[in-house]
Protein backbone atom coordinates (compact mmCIF):
# COMPACT_ATOMS: atom_id res chain seq x y z
CA MET A 1 3.77 -18.31 18.47
CA ASN A 2 2.60 -15.49 16.22
CA ALA A 3 3.25 -15.74 12.50
CA LEU A 4 4.01 -12.00 12.29
CA ILE A 5 5.99 -10.38 15.10
CA ALA A 6 6.54 -6.68 15.80
CA ILE A 7 9.34 -5.12 17.83
CA TYR A 8 10.30 -1.47 18.17
CA PRO A 9 14.08 -0.97 18.06
CA TYR A 10 15.65 2.35 19.06
CA LYS A 11 19.13 3.74 19.73
CA TYR A 12 20.44 3.62 23.30
CA GLN A 13 24.00 4.72 24.10
CA GLY A 14 24.96 4.29 20.45
CA LEU A 15 23.49 0.78 20.08
CA TRP A 16 20.34 -0.42 18.38
CA VAL A 17 18.29 -2.15 21.11
CA PHE A 18 14.71 -3.23 21.71
CA ASP A 19 12.43 -4.05 24.61
CA ASP A 20 9.82 -6.79 24.63
CA GLU A 21 8.32 -7.34 28.04
CA ASN A 22 6.20 -10.20 26.64
CA VAL A 23 9.36 -12.33 26.36
CA GLY A 24 11.41 -10.73 29.15
CA LEU A 25 13.82 -8.63 27.07
CA ARG A 26 14.97 -5.12 27.94
CA GLN A 27 17.48 -3.12 25.92
CA GLU A 28 18.45 -6.25 23.98
CA PRO A 29 21.20 -5.11 21.58
CA PHE A 30 21.71 -5.83 17.90
CA ILE A 31 25.43 -6.38 17.20
CA SER A 32 27.82 -8.05 14.76
CA GLY A 33 26.40 -6.77 11.50
CA ALA A 34 22.74 -6.74 12.54
CA ASP A 35 23.29 -3.16 13.71
CA THR A 36 24.71 -2.18 10.32
CA VAL A 37 21.76 -3.82 8.56
CA ILE A 38 19.44 -1.68 10.70
CA ASP A 39 21.45 1.46 9.88
CA ARG A 40 21.05 0.76 6.18
CA MET A 41 17.38 -0.24 6.31
CA THR A 42 16.36 2.81 8.37
CA GLU A 43 18.19 5.47 6.34
CA SER A 44 14.90 6.73 4.91
CA ILE A 45 12.86 6.44 8.13
CA PRO A 46 12.63 9.84 9.84
CA ASN A 47 13.83 9.80 13.46
CA ALA A 48 14.46 6.03 13.35
CA ALA A 49 16.93 6.38 16.23
CA ASN A 50 13.94 7.31 18.43
CA GLY A 51 12.17 4.11 17.40
CA PHE A 52 10.80 2.33 14.37
CA ARG A 53 8.70 -0.77 13.79
CA LEU A 54 10.38 -3.99 12.68
CA LEU A 55 7.96 -6.67 11.54
CA PHE A 56 9.38 -10.14 11.00
CA SER A 57 8.24 -13.65 10.20
CA ALA A 58 9.48 -17.03 9.01
CA THR A 59 6.91 -16.79 6.22
CA SER A 60 6.62 -14.17 3.52
CA PHE A 61 4.08 -11.40 4.02
CA PRO A 62 2.83 -8.46 1.92
CA GLY A 63 5.13 -5.45 2.08
CA CYS A 64 8.22 -7.20 3.40
CA ASN A 65 11.24 -5.18 2.33
CA ALA A 66 14.20 -7.36 3.30
CA VAL A 67 14.77 -11.11 3.26
CA PHE A 68 17.49 -12.88 5.25
CA GLN A 69 18.74 -16.42 4.62
CA TRP A 70 20.23 -18.59 7.35
CA ARG A 71 23.97 -19.13 6.95
CA ARG A 72 25.41 -20.77 10.09
CA GLU A 73 25.27 -21.12 13.86
CA ASP A 74 27.84 -19.31 15.99
CA SER A 75 28.15 -18.67 19.73
CA GLY A 76 24.56 -19.74 20.42
CA GLY A 77 23.19 -17.34 17.80
CA HIS A 78 22.80 -17.51 14.04
CA TRP A 79 24.18 -15.62 11.06
CA TYR A 80 21.76 -14.47 8.37
CA TYR A 81 22.55 -13.02 4.94
CA SER A 82 20.66 -10.53 2.80
CA GLU A 83 21.38 -10.90 -0.90
CA ASP A 84 19.89 -7.46 -1.61
CA LEU A 85 22.20 -5.79 0.92
CA ASP A 86 25.07 -8.24 0.32
CA GLN A 87 25.54 -8.29 4.07
CA GLU A 88 25.45 -10.67 7.01
CA GLY A 89 24.18 -10.04 10.50
CA TRP A 90 24.27 -12.15 13.65
CA LEU A 91 21.12 -12.73 15.69
CA CYS A 92 21.76 -13.68 19.30
CA PRO A 93 19.98 -16.48 21.20
CA ALA A 94 17.08 -14.07 21.87
CA LEU A 95 15.95 -15.33 18.44
CA PHE A 96 14.55 -18.33 20.31
CA LYS A 97 12.17 -16.12 22.25
CA TYR A 98 10.31 -15.87 18.91
CA PHE A 99 11.08 -19.13 17.07
CA ASP A 100 11.43 -22.72 18.25
CA SER A 101 14.41 -23.16 15.93
CA ALA A 102 16.38 -20.85 13.66
CA PRO A 103 14.24 -20.25 10.55
CA ALA A 104 15.78 -20.93 7.14
CA THR A 105 14.49 -17.52 6.02
CA ILE A 106 13.42 -14.42 7.93
CA TYR A 107 11.19 -11.92 6.15
CA THR A 108 11.20 -8.38 7.51
CA LYS A 109 9.65 -4.97 7.11
CA PHE A 110 11.35 -1.86 8.48
CA GLU A 111 8.90 1.04 8.80
CA PRO A 112 8.10 4.13 10.88
CA LYS A 113 6.49 3.18 14.18
CA ASP A 114 3.46 5.35 13.52
CA THR A 115 2.56 3.57 10.27
């Protein structure tokens, strides 16, 4: 598995979704707080609804701009909390397409896709 992963979320029918043919996902939605986290983190990214780059890793990396701590398991997915945002978001079992187990911490970078 890669240490640094990139996906390209976009809005589809009012939902944040992403495609990743490498792991068999198409229009995989972000829900239950993860969508609100994306709304907040993309406020300053022009045209984010048409797509932005989300880098993430279980290890810290230069330029990461949000850190999420594992909170609990629920319905096959996992809740993560950002102290900076004071907000939780649920990540569905698609998390395991990228990690063997739920990481204690997920480091992220939200940026324009053409960066």
